Amino acid sequence: MTDRENTLRSLEAAGFAVHAFTEEQQEVLQALTPHELAVLVDIKGRLDEVGPEVQAHGEIAGGALF
């Protein structure tokens, strides 16, 4: 498994709906550095901690992240 595949799997494990992203968006995510990935996962985790237990998904790419 490549680092790029591991990046997407890490994002999926953190709760990102990777399958909802376009191929181009997935390519951007796959190119994240390990530090960028860690920051993104950390921010999502903190947002999840303070968000409601049930939340509708946004219809735009940003909504899929946060």
N, C-alpha and C. Protein backbone atom coordinates (compact mmCIF):
# COMPACT_ATOMS: atom_id res chain seq x y z
N MET A 1 0.84 -1.17 0.00
CA MET A 1 0.00 0.00 0.00
C MET A 1 0.89 1.25 0.00
N THR A 2 0.53 2.23 -0.82
CA THR A 2 1.34 3.44 -0.93
C THR A 2 0.97 4.45 0.15
N ASP A 3 1.83 5.44 0.34
CA ASP A 3 1.54 6.51 1.28
C ASP A 3 0.26 7.24 0.90
N ARG A 4 0.04 7.38 -0.41
CA ARG A 4 -1.16 8.07 -0.88
C ARG A 4 -2.42 7.29 -0.50
N GLU A 5 -2.38 5.97 -0.62
CA GLU A 5 -3.52 5.14 -0.21
C GLU A 5 -3.70 5.20 1.30
N ASN A 6 -2.60 5.21 2.03
CA ASN A 6 -2.68 5.31 3.49
C ASN A 6 -3.31 6.62 3.92
N THR A 7 -3.03 7.69 3.18
CA THR A 7 -3.62 8.98 3.52
C THR A 7 -5.13 8.92 3.43
N LEU A 8 -5.66 8.36 2.35
CA LEU A 8 -7.12 8.26 2.22
C LEU A 8 -7.71 7.35 3.29
N ARG A 9 -7.03 6.26 3.59
CA ARG A 9 -7.52 5.36 4.64
C ARG A 9 -7.50 6.04 6.00
N SER A 10 -6.50 6.84 6.26
CA SER A 10 -6.42 7.58 7.52
C SER A 10 -7.57 8.58 7.63
N LEU A 11 -7.85 9.24 6.52
CA LEU A 11 -8.97 10.19 6.52
C LEU A 11 -10.30 9.47 6.73
N GLU A 12 -10.48 8.34 6.07
CA GLU A 12 -11.71 7.56 6.27
C GLU A 12 -11.84 7.12 7.72
N ALA A 13 -10.76 6.67 8.31
CA ALA A 13 -10.78 6.22 9.70
C ALA A 13 -11.12 7.37 10.65
N ALA A 14 -10.77 8.59 10.25
CA ALA A 14 -11.06 9.76 11.07
C ALA A 14 -12.48 10.28 10.86
N GLY A 15 -13.21 9.65 9.95
CA GLY A 15 -14.60 10.03 9.73
C GLY A 15 -14.87 10.88 8.52
N PHE A 16 -13.87 11.08 7.68
CA PHE A 16 -14.09 11.82 6.45
C PHE A 16 -14.79 10.92 5.43
N ALA A 17 -15.76 11.46 4.73
CA ALA A 17 -16.48 10.71 3.69
C ALA A 17 -15.68 10.82 2.38
N VAL A 18 -14.56 10.13 2.34
CA VAL A 18 -13.64 10.22 1.20
C VAL A 18 -14.34 9.87 -0.11
N HIS A 19 -15.25 8.92 -0.07
CA HIS A 19 -15.95 8.50 -1.28
C HIS A 19 -16.82 9.62 -1.86
N ALA A 20 -17.15 10.62 -1.05
CA ALA A 20 -18.00 11.72 -1.51
C ALA A 20 -17.21 12.78 -2.27
N PHE A 21 -15.89 12.72 -2.19
CA PHE A 21 -15.05 13.69 -2.88
C PHE A 21 -14.86 13.30 -4.34
N THR A 22 -14.65 14.30 -5.17
CA THR A 22 -14.34 14.03 -6.57
C THR A 22 -12.95 13.41 -6.66
N GLU A 23 -12.64 12.87 -7.80
CA GLU A 23 -11.30 12.29 -8.01
C GLU A 23 -10.22 13.36 -7.82
N GLU A 24 -10.51 14.55 -8.32
CA GLU A 24 -9.54 15.64 -8.19
C GLU A 24 -9.33 16.02 -6.72
N GLN A 25 -10.41 16.06 -5.96
CA GLN A 25 -10.30 16.38 -4.53
C GLN A 25 -9.52 15.29 -3.80
N GLN A 26 -9.76 14.03 -4.17
CA GLN A 26 -9.02 12.93 -3.55
C GLN A 26 -7.53 13.04 -3.87
N GLU A 27 -7.20 13.48 -5.08
CA GLU A 27 -5.79 13.64 -5.44
C GLU A 27 -5.13 14.71 -4.57
N VAL A 28 -5.87 15.80 -4.31
CA VAL A 28 -5.33 16.84 -3.43
C VAL A 28 -5.09 16.27 -2.04
N LEU A 29 -6.06 15.53 -1.52
CA LEU A 29 -5.91 14.94 -0.19
C LEU A 29 -4.76 13.94 -0.14
N GLN A 30 -4.60 13.17 -1.19
CA GLN A 30 -3.52 12.18 -1.23
C GLN A 30 -2.15 12.84 -1.23
N ALA A 31 -2.08 14.08 -1.67
CA ALA A 31 -0.81 14.78 -1.74
C ALA A 31 -0.45 15.50 -0.43
N LEU A 32 -1.31 15.39 0.58
CA LEU A 32 -1.01 16.03 1.86
C LEU A 32 0.28 15.47 2.46
N THR A 33 1.03 16.34 3.10
CA THR A 33 2.20 15.88 3.84
C THR A 33 1.71 15.21 5.12
N PRO A 34 2.54 14.42 5.77
CA PRO A 34 2.13 13.82 7.04
C PRO A 34 1.69 14.88 8.06
N HIS A 35 2.38 16.02 8.08
CA HIS A 35 2.00 17.09 9.02
C HIS A 35 0.63 17.67 8.67
N GLU A 36 0.38 17.91 7.38
CA GLU A 36 -0.92 18.44 6.95
C GLU A 36 -2.04 17.47 7.29
N LEU A 37 -1.80 16.19 7.07
CA LEU A 37 -2.79 15.18 7.40
C LEU A 37 -3.09 15.19 8.89
N ALA A 38 -2.07 15.24 9.71
CA ALA A 38 -2.26 15.25 11.16
C ALA A 38 -3.05 16.47 11.61
N VAL A 39 -2.76 17.63 11.03
CA VAL A 39 -3.48 18.85 11.38
C VAL A 39 -4.95 18.74 10.97
N LEU A 40 -5.22 18.26 9.77
CA LEU A 40 -6.59 18.12 9.29
C LEU A 40 -7.39 17.16 10.17
N VAL A 41 -6.81 16.03 10.49
CA VAL A 41 -7.48 15.04 11.34
C VAL A 41 -7.71 15.61 12.74
N ASP A 42 -6.74 16.35 13.27
CA ASP A 42 -6.88 16.95 14.59
C ASP A 42 -8.01 17.97 14.61
N ILE A 43 -8.06 18.83 13.60
CA ILE A 43 -9.11 19.84 13.54
C ILE A 43 -10.49 19.19 13.45
N LYS A 44 -10.61 18.18 12.61
CA LYS A 44 -11.90 17.49 12.48
C LYS A 44 -12.30 16.85 13.80
N GLY A 45 -11.35 16.25 14.49
CA GLY A 45 -11.65 15.64 15.78
C GLY A 45 -12.15 16.66 16.78
N ARG A 46 -11.52 17.81 16.83
CA ARG A 46 -11.95 18.86 17.75
C ARG A 46 -13.33 19.39 17.39
N LEU A 47 -13.60 19.55 16.09
CA LEU A 47 -14.92 20.01 15.67
C LEU A 47 -15.99 18.97 16.01
N ASP A 48 -15.67 17.70 15.82
CA ASP A 48 -16.61 16.63 16.15
C ASP A 48 -16.93 16.60 17.64
N GLU A 49 -15.95 16.92 18.48
CA GLU A 49 -16.16 16.91 19.92
C GLU A 49 -17.18 17.95 20.37
N VAL A 50 -17.24 19.07 19.67
CA VAL A 50 -18.14 20.14 20.10
C VAL A 50 -19.41 20.22 19.25
N GLY A 51 -19.49 19.42 18.21
CA GLY A 51 -20.66 19.45 17.34
C GLY A 51 -21.79 18.60 17.90
N PRO A 52 -22.98 18.79 17.33
CA PRO A 52 -24.11 17.96 17.76
C PRO A 52 -23.90 16.50 17.41
N GLU A 53 -24.58 15.62 18.13
CA GLU A 53 -24.41 14.19 17.89
C GLU A 53 -24.92 13.78 16.52
N VAL A 54 -25.96 14.43 16.05
CA VAL A 54 -26.52 14.13 14.73
C VAL A 54 -26.49 15.42 13.93
N GLN A 55 -25.84 15.35 12.76
CA GLN A 55 -25.70 16.54 11.94
C GLN A 55 -25.84 16.15 10.48
N ALA A 56 -26.61 16.93 9.73
CA ALA A 56 -26.79 16.65 8.30
C ALA A 56 -25.50 16.93 7.55
N HIS A 57 -25.28 16.19 6.48
CA HIS A 57 -24.11 16.41 5.64
C HIS A 57 -24.38 17.58 4.70
N GLY A 58 -23.37 18.40 4.49
CA GLY A 58 -23.47 19.50 3.55
C GLY A 58 -23.41 18.98 2.12
N GLU A 59 -23.92 19.77 1.20
CA GLU A 59 -23.91 19.36 -0.20
C GLU A 59 -22.70 19.89 -0.94
N ILE A 60 -21.87 20.67 -0.27
CA ILE A 60 -20.67 21.20 -0.91
C ILE A 60 -19.45 20.51 -0.32
N ALA A 61 -18.34 20.60 -1.01
CA ALA A 61 -17.13 19.90 -0.57
C ALA A 61 -16.73 20.29 0.84
N GLY A 62 -16.82 21.57 1.19
CA GLY A 62 -16.47 22.00 2.53
C GLY A 62 -17.35 21.36 3.59
N GLY A 63 -18.60 21.11 3.24
CA GLY A 63 -19.51 20.46 4.17
C GLY A 63 -19.10 19.04 4.48
N ALA A 64 -18.45 18.40 3.52
CA ALA A 64 -18.00 17.04 3.75
C ALA A 64 -16.83 17.00 4.72
N LEU A 65 -16.06 18.09 4.75
CA LEU A 65 -14.93 18.15 5.67
C LEU A 65 -15.37 18.49 7.07
N PHE A 66 -16.26 19.44 7.17
CA PHE A 66 -16.63 19.94 8.50
C PHE A 66 -18.10 19.82 8.68
